[in-house]
């Protein structure tokens, strides 16, 4: 009896500081395109439940990826989320109206849980130079049958396996594929009576993979590689004396063979993938250099205009030595240039060369990156 089985929000509202944050997010469509592509529509109502919950997650929850790294555990989780969403979408498409009503909550939370990870996929795709094929769009709401809905999700899954993950990344491929297949064993609604033979076979697959990944980790922990210490610590924190690394590799591997399926299933959801994270490198792509066109100049221009309106004499665009951009206020000095119309030009303070340069530049040149610190 959990929230995602029975309850879904129909409207989300914000006020106070959260209201300011949500209002700022919704008004700046460019920002939304960068961080919530699926919700980047002019005039999007922040009370829409999906947008509201995503904004709350952005504020209060841990990010879907740690430091933007596509680790083994991240690929496993992406597979789980896509598998669950694909199955629920197919069920709803084929269900009678009353059953569809009962499944709405599960489908809503499955979509929201998945949205952050899919946004990370989109960001990595947009940043990578070595991915030429664009990901297909998941559009289950337009599908009339369960087969069509599942095929829409499956097409995206195929793209991940074919394009997002290199074919030589065998463990990463396995993490994603196993997650995509074994999601039912972690969700009782797919096997409430514990008598579904298909779920039983998936449980056997999960146990075999969990044991295999743990054995690979034992080999790394008992070797002399760079990450042996991290792997040892991760295994010890999760399994303790159940996997006696201090007795050597053979004893530890034999202990893994003796672990019960119940323990392995329990540890597979989060702990075993994180153990693999301790020694397996993240998914690597060739990233394109960051360009200045990614800045939300509309928002910055609004902030400059607002500063002048409240009486500030010298609001400026400040470019730091590392390329960071912010709105700053320059102290009153007789030699600072005067900007009469801030909708056409703006003061620029650039520290990119190691010494401060203060200029008057046009917004057109700023947007084109033709100013010191951006060019």
Protein backbone atom coordinates (compact mmCIF):
# COMPACT_ATOMS: atom_id res chain seq x y z
CA UNK A 1 0.00 0.00 0.00
CA UNK A 2 2.20 2.82 -1.25
CA UNK A 3 1.58 6.32 -2.56
CA UNK A 4 2.37 5.52 -6.17
CA UNK A 5 -0.33 2.82 -6.28
CA UNK A 6 -3.26 4.99 -5.21
CA UNK A 7 -2.61 8.74 -5.23
CA UNK A 8 -1.44 11.23 -7.84
CA UNK A 9 -1.51 15.03 -7.70
CA UNK A 10 -3.99 16.82 -9.93
CA UNK A 11 -2.43 20.25 -9.34
CA UNK A 12 0.71 21.63 -7.70
CA UNK A 13 1.05 25.21 -6.48
CA UNK A 14 4.03 27.18 -5.14
CA UNK A 15 4.30 30.33 -3.05
CA UNK A 16 6.97 32.36 -1.27
CA UNK A 17 10.55 31.56 -2.22
CA UNK A 18 9.46 28.37 -4.01
CA UNK A 19 6.94 30.43 -5.95
CA UNK A 20 9.68 32.81 -7.08
CA UNK A 21 11.81 29.85 -8.17
CA UNK A 22 8.98 28.16 -10.07
CA UNK A 23 7.87 31.42 -11.70
CA UNK A 24 11.41 32.10 -12.87
CA UNK A 25 11.75 28.58 -14.25
CA UNK A 26 8.47 28.64 -16.17
CA UNK A 27 8.98 32.10 -17.67
CA UNK A 28 12.45 31.33 -19.06
CA UNK A 29 11.77 28.88 -21.85
CA UNK A 30 15.48 28.65 -22.79
CA UNK A 31 16.28 27.48 -19.27
CA UNK A 32 13.54 24.91 -19.48
CA UNK A 33 14.90 23.64 -22.79
CA UNK A 34 18.24 23.01 -21.11
CA UNK A 35 16.96 21.38 -17.94
CA UNK A 36 13.39 20.14 -18.56
CA UNK A 37 13.03 19.73 -22.31
CA UNK A 38 9.70 17.94 -22.15
CA UNK A 39 8.14 20.90 -20.30
CA UNK A 40 9.72 23.72 -22.35
CA UNK A 41 6.55 25.23 -23.76
CA UNK A 42 5.71 28.95 -23.58
CA UNK A 43 2.88 29.52 -21.13
CA UNK A 44 3.31 26.15 -19.39
CA UNK A 45 1.24 26.22 -16.21
CA UNK A 46 3.39 25.41 -13.20
CA UNK A 47 0.34 23.78 -11.60
CA UNK A 48 0.56 20.95 -14.12
CA UNK A 49 1.33 17.94 -11.87
CA UNK A 50 4.28 16.58 -13.86
CA UNK A 51 6.00 19.98 -14.06
CA UNK A 52 5.24 20.70 -10.39
CA UNK A 53 6.70 17.42 -9.14
CA UNK A 54 9.78 17.80 -11.37
CA UNK A 55 10.41 21.28 -9.95
CA UNK A 56 10.08 19.88 -6.41
CA UNK A 57 12.49 17.06 -7.28
CA UNK A 58 14.99 19.57 -8.66
CA UNK A 59 14.87 21.51 -5.39
CA UNK A 60 14.62 18.77 -2.78
CA UNK A 61 15.85 15.46 -4.20
CA UNK A 62 19.26 14.08 -5.02
CA UNK A 63 20.13 14.48 -8.72
CA UNK A 64 19.44 11.45 -10.93
CA UNK A 65 23.16 11.28 -11.74
CA UNK A 66 26.03 12.07 -9.38
CA UNK A 67 28.22 14.75 -11.00
CA UNK A 68 26.64 13.91 -14.35
CA UNK A 69 28.39 10.53 -14.49
CA UNK A 70 26.76 7.63 -16.30
CA UNK A 71 27.94 4.87 -14.00
CA UNK A 72 27.08 1.17 -13.94
CA UNK A 73 24.36 1.76 -11.34
CA UNK A 74 22.91 4.63 -13.40
CA UNK A 75 22.59 2.39 -16.46
CA UNK A 76 20.96 -0.34 -14.36
CA UNK A 77 18.48 2.16 -12.91
CA UNK A 78 17.66 3.59 -16.34
CA UNK A 79 16.83 0.08 -17.54
CA UNK A 80 14.57 -0.54 -14.53
CA UNK A 81 12.69 2.73 -15.01
CA UNK A 82 12.17 2.21 -18.74
CA UNK A 83 11.03 -1.38 -18.23
CA UNK A 84 8.47 -0.41 -15.59
CA UNK A 85 7.17 2.53 -17.62
CA UNK A 86 6.91 0.47 -20.82
CA UNK A 87 4.96 -2.29 -19.09
CA UNK A 88 2.53 0.09 -17.37
CA UNK A 89 2.00 2.04 -20.59
CA UNK A 90 1.11 -1.15 -22.43
CA UNK A 91 -1.28 -2.22 -19.66
CA UNK A 92 -3.10 1.12 -19.67
CA UNK A 93 -3.46 1.18 -23.46
CA UNK A 94 -5.18 -2.22 -23.44
CA UNK A 95 -7.17 -1.79 -20.21
CA UNK A 96 -10.86 -1.07 -19.74
CA UNK A 97 -11.77 2.46 -18.53
CA UNK A 98 -12.10 1.45 -14.87
CA UNK A 99 -8.77 -0.38 -14.92
CA UNK A 100 -7.15 2.59 -16.62
CA UNK A 101 -8.38 4.77 -13.76
CA UNK A 102 -6.80 2.43 -11.23
CA UNK A 103 -3.50 2.40 -13.10
CA UNK A 104 -3.23 6.18 -13.50
CA UNK A 105 -1.30 6.74 -10.27
CA UNK A 106 1.28 4.04 -11.05
CA UNK A 107 1.76 5.39 -14.57
CA UNK A 108 2.12 8.98 -13.36
CA UNK A 109 4.84 8.19 -10.82
CA UNK A 110 6.63 5.88 -13.27
CA UNK A 111 6.78 8.74 -15.77
CA UNK A 112 7.95 11.28 -13.19
CA UNK A 113 10.61 8.92 -11.82
CA UNK A 114 11.90 8.38 -15.35
CA UNK A 115 11.83 12.02 -16.49
CA UNK A 116 15.01 13.12 -14.71
CA UNK A 117 17.04 10.24 -16.13
CA UNK A 118 15.73 10.87 -19.65
CA UNK A 119 16.70 14.52 -19.33
CA UNK A 120 20.23 13.43 -18.43
CA UNK A 121 20.26 11.24 -21.55
CA UNK A 122 19.19 14.25 -23.63
CA UNK A 123 21.87 16.47 -22.09
CA UNK A 124 24.59 13.90 -22.76
CA UNK A 125 23.38 13.43 -26.34
CA UNK A 126 23.38 17.20 -26.98
CA UNK A 127 26.89 17.48 -25.48
CA UNK A 128 28.48 14.52 -27.26
CA UNK A 129 30.23 14.69 -30.60
CA UNK A 130 30.31 10.92 -31.13
CA UNK A 131 26.52 10.33 -31.27
CA UNK A 132 25.09 11.11 -34.71
CA UNK A 133 21.74 9.33 -34.45
CA UNK A 134 19.08 11.28 -32.54
CA UNK A 135 17.06 9.39 -29.91
CA UNK A 136 13.49 8.49 -30.86
CA UNK A 137 10.61 10.17 -29.05
CA UNK A 138 8.64 8.16 -26.51
CA UNK A 139 5.00 8.91 -27.27
CA UNK A 140 2.86 6.33 -25.49
CA UNK A 141 -0.16 8.63 -25.10
CA UNK A 142 -0.70 8.62 -28.86
CA UNK A 143 -0.77 4.82 -29.01
CA UNK A 144 -4.06 2.97 -29.31
CA UNK A 145 -2.83 -0.49 -28.32
CA UNK A 146 -0.49 -1.92 -25.72
CA UNK A 147 1.79 -3.29 -28.43
CA UNK A 148 2.21 0.18 -29.93
CA UNK A 149 2.91 1.74 -26.53
CA UNK A 150 5.50 -0.87 -25.64
CA UNK A 151 7.09 -0.56 -29.09
CA UNK A 152 7.49 3.19 -28.56
CA UNK A 153 9.48 2.60 -25.37
CA UNK A 154 11.37 -0.32 -26.93
CA UNK A 155 12.56 1.88 -29.81
CA UNK A 156 14.18 4.20 -27.28
CA UNK A 157 15.70 1.22 -25.45
CA UNK A 158 17.18 -0.03 -28.72
CA UNK A 159 18.71 3.41 -29.31
CA UNK A 160 20.37 3.33 -25.89
CA UNK A 161 21.88 -0.09 -26.58
CA UNK A 162 22.92 0.77 -30.13
CA UNK A 163 24.04 4.41 -29.88
CA UNK A 164 24.31 5.66 -26.30
CA UNK A 165 26.38 2.70 -25.02
CA UNK A 166 29.34 1.51 -27.07
CA UNK A 167 29.08 -2.16 -28.05
CA UNK A 168 32.49 -2.80 -26.45
CA UNK A 169 31.12 -1.70 -23.04
CA UNK A 170 29.90 -5.18 -22.19
CA UNK A 171 29.19 -4.61 -18.49
CA UNK A 172 27.39 -1.33 -19.19
CA UNK A 173 25.31 -3.07 -21.84
CA UNK A 174 24.53 -5.84 -19.37
CA UNK A 175 23.56 -3.39 -16.60
CA UNK A 176 21.05 -1.65 -18.85
CA UNK A 177 19.68 -4.82 -20.41
CA UNK A 178 19.23 -6.64 -17.10
CA UNK A 179 17.47 -3.61 -15.59
CA UNK A 180 15.15 -3.41 -18.61
CA UNK A 181 14.15 -7.06 -18.16
CA UNK A 182 14.05 -7.68 -14.39
CA UNK A 183 12.04 -4.65 -13.20
CA UNK A 184 9.02 -6.88 -12.24
CA UNK A 185 10.93 -8.60 -9.43
CA UNK A 186 11.20 -5.29 -7.55
CA UNK A 187 7.54 -4.32 -7.95
CA UNK A 188 4.87 -6.53 -6.30
CA UNK A 189 2.10 -5.31 -8.60
CA UNK A 190 3.58 -7.38 -11.43
CA UNK A 191 3.50 -10.61 -9.36
CA UNK A 192 1.18 -10.06 -6.41
CA UNK A 193 0.64 -13.77 -5.84
CA UNK A 194 4.32 -14.73 -6.26
CA UNK A 195 3.22 -17.41 -8.74
CA UNK A 196 4.00 -15.88 -12.13
CA UNK A 197 6.41 -18.30 -13.90
CA UNK A 198 7.77 -15.52 -16.14
CA UNK A 199 8.69 -13.39 -13.12
CA UNK A 200 10.23 -16.47 -11.48
CA UNK A 201 12.53 -16.94 -14.49
CA UNK A 202 13.47 -13.25 -14.34
CA UNK A 203 14.32 -13.70 -10.67
CA UNK A 204 16.70 -16.50 -11.62
CA UNK A 205 18.32 -14.24 -14.23
CA UNK A 206 18.70 -11.46 -11.67
CA UNK A 207 20.31 -13.79 -9.13
CA UNK A 208 22.77 -15.11 -11.70
CA UNK A 209 23.76 -11.60 -12.82
CA UNK A 210 24.04 -10.29 -9.26
CA UNK A 211 26.34 -13.18 -8.35
CA UNK A 212 28.40 -12.64 -11.49
CA UNK A 213 28.81 -8.88 -10.92
CA UNK A 214 29.74 -9.45 -7.30
CA UNK A 215 32.39 -11.99 -8.34
CA UNK A 216 33.89 -9.49 -10.79
CA UNK A 217 34.04 -7.03 -7.91
CA UNK A 218 35.80 -9.56 -5.67
CA UNK A 219 38.42 -10.13 -8.37
CA UNK A 220 39.00 -6.36 -8.56
CA UNK A 221 39.12 -5.99 -4.79
CA UNK A 222 41.71 -8.75 -4.34
CA UNK A 223 43.87 -7.59 -7.24
CA UNK A 224 46.50 -4.88 -7.36
CA UNK A 225 44.61 -2.42 -9.54
CA UNK A 226 44.14 1.26 -8.79
CA UNK A 227 40.58 0.81 -7.49
CA UNK A 228 41.17 -2.31 -5.39
CA UNK A 229 40.86 -0.36 -2.15
CA UNK A 230 37.59 1.28 -3.18
CA UNK A 231 36.13 -2.07 -4.25
CA UNK A 232 37.22 -3.69 -0.97
CA UNK A 233 35.57 -0.93 1.05
CA UNK A 234 32.33 -1.12 -0.95
CA UNK A 235 32.05 -4.91 -0.59
CA UNK A 236 32.85 -4.79 3.13
CA UNK A 237 30.26 -2.09 3.80
CA UNK A 238 27.55 -4.07 2.05
CA UNK A 239 28.35 -7.69 2.89
CA UNK A 240 30.73 -7.61 5.85
CA UNK A 241 31.93 -11.09 6.81
CA UNK A 242 29.53 -12.72 4.35
CA UNK A 243 32.25 -12.13 1.72
CA UNK A 244 35.57 -12.61 3.62
CA UNK A 245 38.01 -10.67 1.45
CA UNK A 246 40.66 -10.93 4.16
CA UNK A 247 40.87 -14.69 3.52
CA UNK A 248 41.81 -14.22 -0.12
CA UNK A 249 40.16 -14.31 -3.52
CA UNK A 250 39.26 -18.01 -3.61
CA UNK A 251 37.57 -17.94 -0.22
CA UNK A 252 35.64 -14.78 -1.12
CA UNK A 253 34.49 -16.22 -4.45
CA UNK A 254 33.37 -19.41 -2.74
CA UNK A 255 31.41 -17.32 -0.23
CA UNK A 256 29.66 -15.49 -3.08
CA UNK A 257 28.60 -18.86 -4.48
CA UNK A 258 26.98 -19.65 -1.12
CA UNK A 259 24.96 -16.45 -0.87
CA UNK A 260 21.22 -17.11 -0.97
CA UNK A 261 19.03 -15.78 -3.81
CA UNK A 262 17.07 -13.69 -1.28
CA UNK A 263 20.20 -11.82 -0.20
CA UNK A 264 21.35 -11.27 -3.78
CA UNK A 265 17.96 -9.94 -4.90
CA UNK A 266 17.85 -7.64 -1.89
CA UNK A 267 21.34 -6.28 -2.65
CA UNK A 268 20.82 -6.06 -6.41
CA UNK A 269 18.49 -3.07 -6.43
CA UNK A 270 21.14 -0.56 -5.27
CA UNK A 271 24.11 -2.04 -3.41
CA UNK A 272 25.66 -4.42 -5.94
CA UNK A 273 25.52 -1.86 -8.77
CA UNK A 274 27.19 0.68 -6.47
CA UNK A 275 29.89 -1.86 -5.65
CA UNK A 276 30.59 -2.15 -9.39
CA UNK A 277 30.67 1.67 -9.57
CA UNK A 278 33.61 1.64 -7.17
CA UNK A 279 35.92 0.09 -9.76
CA UNK A 280 34.25 0.27 -13.19
CA UNK A 281 34.78 3.51 -15.16
CA UNK A 282 31.80 5.64 -16.11
CA UNK A 283 30.37 5.70 -19.61
CA UNK A 284 32.60 7.94 -21.73
CA UNK A 285 31.64 10.10 -24.70
CA UNK A 286 33.58 12.69 -26.66
CA UNK A 287 32.08 15.95 -25.43
CA UNK A 288 31.89 19.08 -27.55
CA UNK A 289 33.36 22.30 -26.11
CA UNK A 290 30.92 24.48 -24.20
CA UNK A 291 29.68 27.38 -26.31
CA UNK A 292 28.48 30.78 -25.16
CA UNK A 293 25.14 30.33 -26.95
CA UNK A 294 24.01 28.20 -24.04
CA UNK A 295 23.49 31.26 -21.81
CA UNK A 296 20.00 32.57 -21.22
CA UNK A 297 20.61 36.11 -22.47
CA UNK A 298 16.90 36.98 -22.29
CA UNK A 299 16.90 36.36 -18.55
CA UNK A 300 20.14 38.32 -18.06
CA UNK A 301 18.72 41.25 -20.04
CA UNK A 302 15.62 41.20 -17.84
CA UNK A 303 17.78 41.32 -14.71
CA UNK A 304 19.76 44.31 -16.03
CA UNK A 305 16.52 46.17 -16.85
CA UNK A 306 15.10 45.37 -13.42
CA UNK A 307 18.26 46.66 -11.71
CA UNK A 308 18.03 49.97 -13.58
CA UNK A 309 14.34 50.25 -12.74
CA UNK A 310 15.04 49.95 -9.02
CA UNK A 311 17.64 52.73 -9.21
CA UNK A 312 20.98 50.99 -9.80
CA UNK A 313 23.23 53.24 -11.94
CA UNK A 314 25.74 50.69 -13.21
CA UNK A 315 24.34 47.15 -13.52
CA UNK A 316 26.61 45.03 -15.68
CA UNK A 317 27.24 41.60 -17.15
CA UNK A 318 30.24 40.12 -15.34
CA UNK A 319 32.40 37.44 -16.99
CA UNK A 320 34.76 35.67 -14.61
CA UNK A 321 38.16 34.15 -15.31
CA UNK A 322 36.57 30.72 -15.70
CA UNK A 323 33.90 31.93 -18.12
CA UNK A 324 31.12 32.13 -15.52
CA UNK A 325 28.52 34.81 -16.23
CA UNK A 326 26.48 36.82 -13.72
CA UNK A 327 24.71 40.13 -13.24
CA UNK A 328 26.75 42.48 -11.02
CA UNK A 329 26.56 46.07 -9.80
CA UNK A 330 29.61 48.30 -10.37
CA UNK A 331 30.39 50.92 -7.70
CA UNK A 332 29.91 54.58 -8.73
CA UNK A 333 33.10 55.91 -10.31
CA UNK A 334 33.43 58.93 -12.60
CA UNK A 335 35.24 57.02 -15.35
CA UNK A 336 32.63 54.26 -15.76
CA UNK A 337 30.84 54.60 -19.14
CA UNK A 338 27.17 55.56 -19.10
CA UNK A 339 24.57 53.38 -20.80
CA UNK A 340 21.40 55.30 -21.65
CA UNK A 341 19.30 52.49 -23.15
CA UNK A 342 19.91 49.10 -21.51
CA UNK A 343 17.68 47.39 -24.07
CA UNK A 344 20.31 48.13 -26.74
CA UNK A 345 23.63 48.09 -24.87
CA UNK A 346 24.99 47.02 -21.53
CA UNK A 347 28.08 47.42 -19.37
CA UNK A 348 30.43 44.44 -19.52
CA UNK A 349 32.99 43.62 -16.83
CA UNK A 350 35.38 40.94 -18.09
CA UNK A 351 38.03 39.33 -15.88
CA UNK A 352 39.01 36.62 -18.35
CA UNK A 353 42.48 38.07 -19.01
CA UNK A 354 43.44 38.37 -15.34
CA UNK A 355 42.68 42.10 -15.14
CA UNK A 356 39.27 43.74 -15.17
CA UNK A 357 38.08 45.32 -18.44
CA UNK A 358 34.93 47.45 -18.42
CA UNK A 359 33.28 48.11 -21.78
CA UNK A 360 29.93 49.07 -23.28
CA UNK A 361 28.78 46.32 -25.64
CA UNK A 362 25.60 45.57 -27.56
CA UNK A 363 23.31 42.72 -26.62
CA UNK A 364 23.69 41.52 -30.21
CA UNK A 365 27.46 41.10 -29.77
CA UNK A 366 26.95 39.38 -26.40
CA UNK A 367 24.53 36.86 -27.88
CA UNK A 368 26.97 36.19 -30.72
CA UNK A 369 29.89 35.73 -28.30
CA UNK A 370 31.84 38.63 -29.84
CA UNK A 371 33.08 40.17 -26.57
CA UNK A 372 36.19 39.65 -24.40
CA UNK A 373 35.83 36.50 -22.35
CA UNK A 374 33.46 34.82 -24.81
CA UNK A 375 35.22 35.13 -28.15
